[in-house]
Amino acid sequence: MSYTYDLSPAACFEDRYGQFVSFGIPKADVDTLRATIKDMWADAPGGWPYEWSAFARKYLAAGNPLLASFAYGFAKFPCLANDARRTAQQNQLETYLKAAPSFPVKFERRMLALPYQGGSVSTPVHLFSVTGKYAAAPVLIYSGGVDTYKMDLHPVCLTLA
């Protein structure tokens, strides 16, 4: 299944350039991606998910799984419209979890089964804490977007923890 709509890569870079850099993507890499990406939907050279995923693999190979997770997060932007973006989302989760031991706070990912329409739905929850004593601490719920939205806002979650 694929879902596309008219969206310009140039407009996305214009709108999100600062976000890419603030997440630690080197400016030179963002500039390279901006010059290279010509199609938002193609999973081929010049395509948004293809090029961002290539940089994510480069960051992972260099030993930076957190930066790789951010690049995979950008690869899936703006929505899970096709297989390339769904693969990027899965890769984002895997690299984020690989990076978790390096976080400056304690981190735990839990899957909760929540009641929904007579059944249940599995919902991921990310816990951040200075002490790791989650049950003894106040809770701030920060939610939205797809599962990886939690990873897309990593710096905010760390600051709030």
N, C-alpha and C. Protein backbone atom coordinates (compact mmCIF):
# COMPACT_ATOMS: atom_id res chain seq x y z
N MET A 1 0.84 -1.17 0.00
CA MET A 1 0.00 0.00 0.00
C MET A 1 0.89 1.24 0.00
N SER A 2 0.53 2.22 -0.80
CA SER A 2 1.30 3.45 -0.89
C SER A 2 0.35 4.64 -0.92
N TYR A 3 0.77 5.71 -0.29
CA TYR A 3 -0.02 6.93 -0.23
C TYR A 3 0.92 8.10 -0.49
N THR A 4 0.65 8.86 -1.53
CA THR A 4 1.48 10.02 -1.83
C THR A 4 0.60 11.24 -2.08
N TYR A 5 1.21 12.37 -2.00
CA TYR A 5 0.54 13.63 -2.31
C TYR A 5 1.61 14.63 -2.74
N ASP A 6 1.18 15.73 -3.28
CA ASP A 6 2.11 16.73 -3.81
C ASP A 6 2.87 17.39 -2.66
N LEU A 7 4.16 17.14 -2.60
CA LEU A 7 5.00 17.71 -1.55
C LEU A 7 6.40 17.88 -2.13
N SER A 8 6.92 19.05 -2.02
CA SER A 8 8.22 19.39 -2.58
C SER A 8 9.34 19.15 -1.58
N PRO A 9 10.36 18.39 -1.96
CA PRO A 9 11.52 18.22 -1.06
C PRO A 9 12.16 19.57 -0.71
N ALA A 10 12.21 20.47 -1.69
CA ALA A 10 12.81 21.79 -1.42
C ALA A 10 12.04 22.52 -0.33
N ALA A 11 10.72 22.44 -0.37
CA ALA A 11 9.90 23.09 0.66
C ALA A 11 10.12 22.44 2.02
N CYS A 12 10.28 21.13 2.04
CA CYS A 12 10.53 20.43 3.30
C CYS A 12 11.86 20.86 3.90
N PHE A 13 12.88 20.99 3.06
CA PHE A 13 14.17 21.43 3.57
C PHE A 13 14.09 22.88 4.04
N GLU A 14 13.36 23.70 3.33
CA GLU A 14 13.19 25.09 3.75
C GLU A 14 12.54 25.15 5.13
N ASP A 15 11.52 24.34 5.32
CA ASP A 15 10.76 24.33 6.56
C ASP A 15 11.50 23.65 7.71
N ARG A 16 12.26 22.59 7.44
CA ARG A 16 12.81 21.73 8.49
C ARG A 16 14.33 21.78 8.64
N TYR A 17 15.01 22.58 7.85
CA TYR A 17 16.46 22.61 7.87
C TYR A 17 17.01 22.77 9.30
N GLY A 18 16.49 23.74 10.02
CA GLY A 18 16.95 23.99 11.39
C GLY A 18 16.73 22.80 12.31
N GLN A 19 15.62 22.09 12.11
CA GLN A 19 15.34 20.91 12.91
C GLN A 19 16.37 19.82 12.64
N PHE A 20 16.68 19.60 11.38
CA PHE A 20 17.67 18.57 11.03
C PHE A 20 19.00 18.85 11.72
N VAL A 21 19.44 20.10 11.65
CA VAL A 21 20.73 20.49 12.23
C VAL A 21 20.67 20.45 13.76
N SER A 22 19.55 20.88 14.34
CA SER A 22 19.45 20.89 15.80
C SER A 22 19.46 19.48 16.38
N PHE A 23 19.09 18.48 15.59
CA PHE A 23 19.16 17.10 16.03
C PHE A 23 20.55 16.52 15.86
N GLY A 24 21.48 17.29 15.33
CA GLY A 24 22.86 16.84 15.23
C GLY A 24 23.28 16.37 13.85
N ILE A 25 22.37 16.41 12.88
CA ILE A 25 22.77 16.05 11.52
C ILE A 25 23.74 17.15 11.05
N PRO A 26 24.95 16.80 10.67
CA PRO A 26 25.91 17.82 10.25
C PRO A 26 25.37 18.67 9.09
N LYS A 27 25.60 19.97 9.17
CA LYS A 27 25.12 20.88 8.12
C LYS A 27 25.56 20.43 6.74
N ALA A 28 26.79 19.97 6.63
CA ALA A 28 27.29 19.52 5.32
C ALA A 28 26.45 18.36 4.80
N ASP A 29 26.02 17.46 5.69
CA ASP A 29 25.17 16.34 5.26
C ASP A 29 23.79 16.83 4.87
N VAL A 30 23.23 17.76 5.65
CA VAL A 30 21.91 18.30 5.30
C VAL A 30 21.99 19.01 3.95
N ASP A 31 23.06 19.75 3.72
CA ASP A 31 23.23 20.43 2.43
C ASP A 31 23.35 19.42 1.28
N THR A 32 24.08 18.33 1.53
CA THR A 32 24.19 17.27 0.51
C THR A 32 22.84 16.65 0.23
N LEU A 33 22.10 16.33 1.27
CA LEU A 33 20.77 15.75 1.10
C LEU A 33 19.85 16.71 0.36
N ARG A 34 19.91 17.98 0.73
CA ARG A 34 19.07 19.00 0.08
C ARG A 34 19.35 19.06 -1.42
N ALA A 35 20.61 18.95 -1.79
CA ALA A 35 20.99 19.01 -3.21
C ALA A 35 20.67 17.70 -3.95
N THR A 36 20.63 16.60 -3.22
CA THR A 36 20.47 15.27 -3.84
C THR A 36 19.02 14.84 -3.97
N ILE A 37 18.20 15.15 -2.98
CA ILE A 37 16.82 14.65 -2.96
C ILE A 37 15.94 15.48 -3.90
N LYS A 38 15.33 14.77 -4.84
CA LYS A 38 14.48 15.43 -5.83
C LYS A 38 13.05 14.90 -5.81
N ASP A 39 12.79 13.83 -5.03
CA ASP A 39 11.47 13.21 -5.00
C ASP A 39 11.16 12.81 -3.57
N MET A 40 10.00 13.18 -3.08
CA MET A 40 9.63 12.86 -1.70
C MET A 40 9.29 11.39 -1.50
N TRP A 41 8.91 10.68 -2.53
CA TRP A 41 8.32 9.35 -2.33
C TRP A 41 9.15 8.20 -2.86
N ALA A 42 10.08 8.45 -3.74
CA ALA A 42 10.82 7.37 -4.40
C ALA A 42 11.78 6.67 -3.44
N ASP A 43 11.78 5.34 -3.51
CA ASP A 43 12.76 4.55 -2.78
C ASP A 43 13.86 4.17 -3.77
N ALA A 44 14.56 5.18 -4.23
CA ALA A 44 15.61 5.04 -5.23
C ALA A 44 16.52 6.26 -5.09
N PRO A 45 17.71 6.23 -5.70
CA PRO A 45 18.57 7.40 -5.61
C PRO A 45 17.81 8.69 -5.96
N GLY A 46 18.00 9.69 -5.11
CA GLY A 46 17.29 10.96 -5.27
C GLY A 46 15.97 11.01 -4.53
N GLY A 47 15.56 9.86 -3.95
CA GLY A 47 14.31 9.81 -3.19
C GLY A 47 14.55 10.11 -1.72
N TRP A 48 13.59 10.75 -1.11
CA TRP A 48 13.69 11.16 0.30
C TRP A 48 14.03 10.00 1.24
N PRO A 49 13.23 8.94 1.28
CA PRO A 49 13.55 7.87 2.24
C PRO A 49 14.85 7.14 1.90
N TYR A 50 15.14 7.01 0.63
CA TYR A 50 16.36 6.33 0.18
C TYR A 50 17.61 7.08 0.66
N GLU A 51 17.64 8.37 0.42
CA GLU A 51 18.84 9.17 0.74
C GLU A 51 19.03 9.34 2.24
N TRP A 52 17.94 9.63 2.97
CA TRP A 52 18.06 9.76 4.42
C TRP A 52 18.49 8.43 5.04
N SER A 53 17.96 7.33 4.54
CA SER A 53 18.34 6.01 5.08
C SER A 53 19.81 5.69 4.80
N ALA A 54 20.31 6.13 3.65
CA ALA A 54 21.73 5.93 3.34
C ALA A 54 22.60 6.65 4.36
N PHE A 55 22.23 7.87 4.72
CA PHE A 55 23.00 8.60 5.73
C PHE A 55 22.85 7.94 7.10
N ALA A 56 21.67 7.42 7.40
CA ALA A 56 21.47 6.72 8.68
C ALA A 56 22.41 5.53 8.78
N ARG A 57 22.52 4.77 7.69
CA ARG A 57 23.44 3.62 7.70
C ARG A 57 24.89 4.07 7.90
N LYS A 58 25.24 5.20 7.31
CA LYS A 58 26.59 5.75 7.47
C LYS A 58 26.84 6.13 8.93
N TYR A 59 25.87 6.76 9.58
CA TYR A 59 26.04 7.14 10.99
C TYR A 59 26.13 5.90 11.88
N LEU A 60 25.34 4.88 11.57
CA LEU A 60 25.39 3.65 12.36
C LEU A 60 26.75 2.98 12.19
N ALA A 61 27.25 2.91 10.97
CA ALA A 61 28.56 2.30 10.71
C ALA A 61 29.68 3.07 11.43
N ALA A 62 29.47 4.37 11.64
CA ALA A 62 30.46 5.19 12.34
C ALA A 62 30.32 5.09 13.86
N GLY A 63 29.37 4.27 14.32
CA GLY A 63 29.21 4.06 15.76
C GLY A 63 28.28 5.04 16.45
N ASN A 64 27.38 5.68 15.69
CA ASN A 64 26.47 6.65 16.28
C ASN A 64 25.02 6.23 16.04
N PRO A 65 24.52 5.25 16.82
CA PRO A 65 23.16 4.78 16.59
C PRO A 65 22.09 5.83 16.88
N LEU A 66 22.35 6.77 17.79
CA LEU A 66 21.34 7.80 18.06
C LEU A 66 21.18 8.71 16.85
N LEU A 67 22.30 9.14 16.26
CA LEU A 67 22.20 9.97 15.06
C LEU A 67 21.55 9.18 13.92
N ALA A 68 21.87 7.90 13.84
CA ALA A 68 21.22 7.05 12.83
C ALA A 68 19.71 7.01 13.06
N SER A 69 19.28 6.92 14.31
CA SER A 69 17.84 6.88 14.58
C SER A 69 17.17 8.19 14.17
N PHE A 70 17.85 9.31 14.37
CA PHE A 70 17.27 10.58 13.93
C PHE A 70 17.16 10.62 12.41
N ALA A 71 18.19 10.17 11.71
CA ALA A 71 18.15 10.17 10.24
C ALA A 71 17.06 9.23 9.73
N TYR A 72 16.90 8.07 10.36
CA TYR A 72 15.80 7.18 9.96
C TYR A 72 14.45 7.84 10.25
N GLY A 73 14.38 8.60 11.33
CA GLY A 73 13.14 9.33 11.63
C GLY A 73 12.82 10.33 10.53
N PHE A 74 13.85 11.02 10.03
CA PHE A 74 13.63 11.95 8.94
C PHE A 74 13.32 11.21 7.65
N ALA A 75 13.84 10.00 7.48
CA ALA A 75 13.55 9.19 6.28
C ALA A 75 12.08 8.83 6.21
N LYS A 76 11.43 8.65 7.34
CA LYS A 76 10.02 8.27 7.32
C LYS A 76 9.10 9.48 7.17
N PHE A 77 9.61 10.68 7.36
CA PHE A 77 8.84 11.91 7.25
C PHE A 77 8.24 12.04 5.85
N PRO A 78 7.06 12.53 5.68
CA PRO A 78 6.13 13.09 6.66
C PRO A 78 5.10 12.09 7.17
N CYS A 79 5.06 10.90 6.61
CA CYS A 79 4.10 9.89 7.05
C CYS A 79 4.55 8.52 6.57
N LEU A 80 3.92 7.48 7.10
CA LEU A 80 4.28 6.11 6.74
C LEU A 80 3.56 5.72 5.44
N ALA A 81 3.90 6.42 4.37
CA ALA A 81 3.17 6.32 3.10
C ALA A 81 3.50 5.10 2.27
N ASN A 82 4.62 4.45 2.54
CA ASN A 82 5.03 3.33 1.69
C ASN A 82 5.98 2.41 2.45
N ASP A 83 6.38 1.33 1.82
CA ASP A 83 7.25 0.35 2.47
C ASP A 83 8.58 0.95 2.90
N ALA A 84 9.15 1.85 2.09
CA ALA A 84 10.44 2.45 2.44
C ALA A 84 10.34 3.21 3.76
N ARG A 85 9.25 3.92 3.95
CA ARG A 85 9.07 4.68 5.18
C ARG A 85 8.75 3.77 6.36
N ARG A 86 8.01 2.73 6.14
CA ARG A 86 7.72 1.78 7.22
C ARG A 86 9.01 1.05 7.63
N THR A 87 9.86 0.75 6.68
CA THR A 87 11.17 0.16 6.99
C THR A 87 12.03 1.15 7.76
N ALA A 88 12.00 2.42 7.36
CA ALA A 88 12.76 3.45 8.07
C ALA A 88 12.27 3.56 9.51
N GLN A 89 10.96 3.46 9.72
CA GLN A 89 10.43 3.52 11.08
C GLN A 89 10.96 2.35 11.92
N GLN A 90 10.96 1.16 11.37
CA GLN A 90 11.47 0.00 12.10
C GLN A 90 12.97 0.17 12.39
N ASN A 91 13.71 0.67 11.42
CA ASN A 91 15.14 0.92 11.62
C ASN A 91 15.37 2.00 12.66
N GLN A 92 14.49 3.00 12.68
CA GLN A 92 14.60 4.05 13.68
C GLN A 92 14.46 3.46 15.08
N LEU A 93 13.47 2.62 15.26
CA LEU A 93 13.26 2.00 16.57
C LEU A 93 14.48 1.16 16.97
N GLU A 94 14.98 0.34 16.06
CA GLU A 94 16.12 -0.52 16.37
C GLU A 94 17.36 0.29 16.74
N THR A 95 17.65 1.34 15.99
CA THR A 95 18.84 2.13 16.28
C THR A 95 18.67 2.96 17.56
N TYR A 96 17.46 3.42 17.82
CA TYR A 96 17.19 4.16 19.04
C TYR A 96 17.41 3.27 20.27
N LEU A 97 16.88 2.07 20.21
CA LEU A 97 17.08 1.14 21.32
C LEU A 97 18.55 0.76 21.49
N LYS A 98 19.27 0.68 20.38
CA LYS A 98 20.70 0.40 20.45
C LYS A 98 21.44 1.57 21.13
N ALA A 99 20.95 2.79 20.92
CA ALA A 99 21.58 3.98 21.50
C ALA A 99 21.20 4.18 22.97
N ALA A 100 20.09 3.60 23.41
CA ALA A 100 19.54 3.88 24.73
C ALA A 100 20.54 3.76 25.89
N PRO A 101 21.44 2.77 25.90
CA PRO A 101 22.38 2.71 27.03
C PRO A 101 23.28 3.96 27.15
N SER A 102 23.40 4.74 26.11
CA SER A 102 24.23 5.94 26.16
C SER A 102 23.48 7.18 26.63
N PHE A 103 22.17 7.08 26.84
CA PHE A 103 21.40 8.26 27.26
C PHE A 103 21.88 8.74 28.63
N PRO A 104 21.82 10.04 28.88
CA PRO A 104 22.27 10.56 30.17
C PRO A 104 21.28 10.34 31.32
N VAL A 105 20.15 9.69 31.02
CA VAL A 105 19.15 9.33 32.03
C VAL A 105 18.79 7.86 31.82
N LYS A 106 18.10 7.29 32.80
CA LYS A 106 17.61 5.92 32.67
C LYS A 106 16.47 5.90 31.66
N PHE A 107 16.40 4.84 30.87
CA PHE A 107 15.38 4.72 29.84
C PHE A 107 14.83 3.31 29.82
N GLU A 108 13.53 3.21 29.63
CA GLU A 108 12.89 1.91 29.47
C GLU A 108 11.75 2.05 28.47
N ARG A 109 11.64 1.08 27.57
CA ARG A 109 10.51 1.02 26.63
C ARG A 109 9.63 -0.13 27.08
N ARG A 110 8.35 0.17 27.27
CA ARG A 110 7.38 -0.86 27.65
C ARG A 110 6.27 -0.89 26.62
N MET A 111 5.71 -2.06 26.45
CA MET A 111 4.53 -2.22 25.61
C MET A 111 3.35 -2.50 26.55
N LEU A 112 2.35 -1.64 26.52
CA LEU A 112 1.19 -1.79 27.37
C LEU A 112 0.00 -2.27 26.55
N ALA A 113 -0.74 -3.22 27.07
CA ALA A 113 -1.98 -3.67 26.44
C ALA A 113 -3.10 -2.85 27.07
N LEU A 114 -3.68 -1.96 26.28
CA LEU A 114 -4.73 -1.08 26.78
C LEU A 114 -6.08 -1.51 26.22
N PRO A 115 -7.13 -1.45 27.04
CA PRO A 115 -8.45 -1.85 26.54
C PRO A 115 -8.92 -0.90 25.43
N TYR A 116 -9.52 -1.49 24.40
CA TYR A 116 -10.02 -0.69 23.29
C TYR A 116 -11.13 -1.46 22.57
N GLN A 117 -12.30 -0.89 22.54
CA GLN A 117 -13.46 -1.42 21.82
C GLN A 117 -13.67 -2.92 22.07
N GLY A 118 -13.68 -3.31 23.32
CA GLY A 118 -13.92 -4.69 23.68
C GLY A 118 -12.70 -5.60 23.56
N GLY A 119 -11.60 -5.08 23.10
CA GLY A 119 -10.37 -5.86 22.98
C GLY A 119 -9.24 -5.09 23.63
N SER A 120 -8.08 -5.21 23.06
CA SER A 120 -6.96 -4.42 23.56
C SER A 120 -6.06 -4.02 22.40
N VAL A 121 -5.31 -2.98 22.63
CA VAL A 121 -4.34 -2.51 21.66
C VAL A 121 -3.00 -2.37 22.37
N SER A 122 -1.95 -2.79 21.71
CA SER A 122 -0.60 -2.70 22.26
C SER A 122 -0.06 -1.31 22.00
N THR A 123 0.37 -0.63 23.07
CA THR A 123 0.82 0.75 22.96
C THR A 123 2.22 0.89 23.56
N PRO A 124 3.16 1.41 22.78
CA PRO A 124 4.51 1.62 23.32
C PRO A 124 4.56 2.84 24.24
N VAL A 125 5.31 2.69 25.31
CA VAL A 125 5.51 3.78 26.26
C VAL A 125 7.01 3.88 26.53
N HIS A 126 7.52 5.10 26.49
CA HIS A 126 8.92 5.34 26.82
C HIS A 126 9.01 6.04 28.16
N LEU A 127 9.82 5.49 29.04
CA LEU A 127 10.02 6.05 30.37
C LEU A 127 11.43 6.60 30.48
N PHE A 128 11.54 7.82 30.95
CA PHE A 128 12.83 8.48 31.18
C PHE A 128 12.87 8.89 32.65
N SER A 129 14.00 8.69 33.30
CA SER A 129 14.12 9.04 34.71
C SER A 129 15.59 9.23 35.07
N VAL A 130 15.83 10.13 35.97
CA VAL A 130 17.20 10.31 36.46
C VAL A 130 17.59 9.13 37.33
N THR A 131 16.65 8.61 38.12
CA THR A 131 16.96 7.55 39.08
C THR A 131 16.61 6.15 38.58
N GLY A 132 15.67 6.06 37.65
CA GLY A 132 15.19 4.75 37.21
C GLY A 132 14.09 4.20 38.11
N LYS A 133 13.69 4.96 39.11
CA LYS A 133 12.59 4.56 40.00
C LYS A 133 11.29 5.15 39.45
N TYR A 134 10.82 4.53 38.39
CA TYR A 134 9.67 5.07 37.66
C TYR A 134 8.41 5.16 38.50
N ALA A 135 8.15 4.18 39.35
CA ALA A 135 6.91 4.14 40.13
C ALA A 135 6.87 5.24 41.20
N ALA A 136 8.03 5.75 41.59
CA ALA A 136 8.09 6.74 42.66
C ALA A 136 8.17 8.18 42.14
N ALA A 137 8.05 8.36 40.84
CA ALA A 137 8.24 9.69 40.26
C ALA A 137 6.94 10.21 39.63
N PRO A 138 6.83 11.51 39.52
CA PRO A 138 5.67 12.07 38.80
C PRO A 138 5.71 11.61 37.34
N VAL A 139 4.57 11.62 36.70
CA VAL A 139 4.47 11.19 35.31
C VAL A 139 4.02 12.36 34.46
N LEU A 140 4.71 12.57 33.37
CA LEU A 140 4.31 13.54 32.36
C LEU A 140 4.06 12.75 31.09
N ILE A 141 2.87 12.84 30.56
CA ILE A 141 2.54 12.10 29.35
C ILE A 141 2.75 13.02 28.16
N TYR A 142 3.56 12.53 27.23
CA TYR A 142 3.90 13.28 26.02
C TYR A 142 3.60 12.36 24.85
N SER A 143 2.57 12.66 24.09
CA SER A 143 2.11 11.69 23.11
C SER A 143 1.70 12.37 21.81
N GLY A 144 1.66 11.56 20.75
CA GLY A 144 1.20 12.03 19.46
C GLY A 144 1.92 11.31 18.35
N GLY A 145 1.41 11.43 17.14
CA GLY A 145 2.06 10.86 15.97
C GLY A 145 2.12 9.35 16.01
N VAL A 146 2.98 8.80 15.19
CA VAL A 146 3.19 7.35 15.15
C VAL A 146 4.07 6.94 16.33
N ASP A 147 4.28 5.67 16.49
CA ASP A 147 5.08 5.15 17.61
C ASP A 147 6.39 5.91 17.76
N THR A 148 7.08 6.16 16.69
CA THR A 148 8.40 6.75 16.79
C THR A 148 8.37 8.24 17.09
N TYR A 149 7.20 8.84 17.19
CA TYR A 149 7.13 10.25 17.57
C TYR A 149 7.90 10.48 18.87
N LYS A 150 7.87 9.48 19.75
CA LYS A 150 8.59 9.58 21.00
C LYS A 150 10.09 9.76 20.75
N MET A 151 10.59 9.10 19.73
CA MET A 151 12.01 9.20 19.40
C MET A 151 12.31 10.48 18.65
N ASP A 152 11.32 10.96 17.89
CA ASP A 152 11.49 12.19 17.14
C ASP A 152 11.65 13.39 18.08
N LEU A 153 11.17 13.26 19.30
CA LEU A 153 11.27 14.34 20.28
C LEU A 153 12.25 14.02 21.41
N HIS A 154 13.23 13.20 21.10
CA HIS A 154 14.20 12.75 22.10
C HIS A 154 14.80 13.88 22.93
N PRO A 155 15.31 14.96 22.32
CA PRO A 155 15.91 16.01 23.15
C PRO A 155 14.91 16.61 24.15
N VAL A 156 13.67 16.75 23.75
CA VAL A 156 12.65 17.29 24.66
C VAL A 156 12.42 16.33 25.82
N CYS A 157 12.32 15.04 25.51
CA CYS A 157 12.10 14.04 26.56
C CYS A 157 13.26 14.02 27.56
N LEU A 158 14.48 14.13 27.08
CA LEU A 158 15.64 14.16 27.98
C LEU A 158 15.58 15.38 28.89
N THR A 159 15.25 16.51 28.31
CA THR A 159 15.17 17.75 29.09
C THR A 159 14.09 17.64 30.15
N LEU A 160 12.94 17.10 29.78
CA LEU A 160 11.86 16.97 30.75
C LEU A 160 12.21 15.98 31.86
N ALA A 161 12.96 14.94 31.53
CA ALA A 161 13.37 13.97 32.56
C ALA A 161 14.31 14.63 33.55
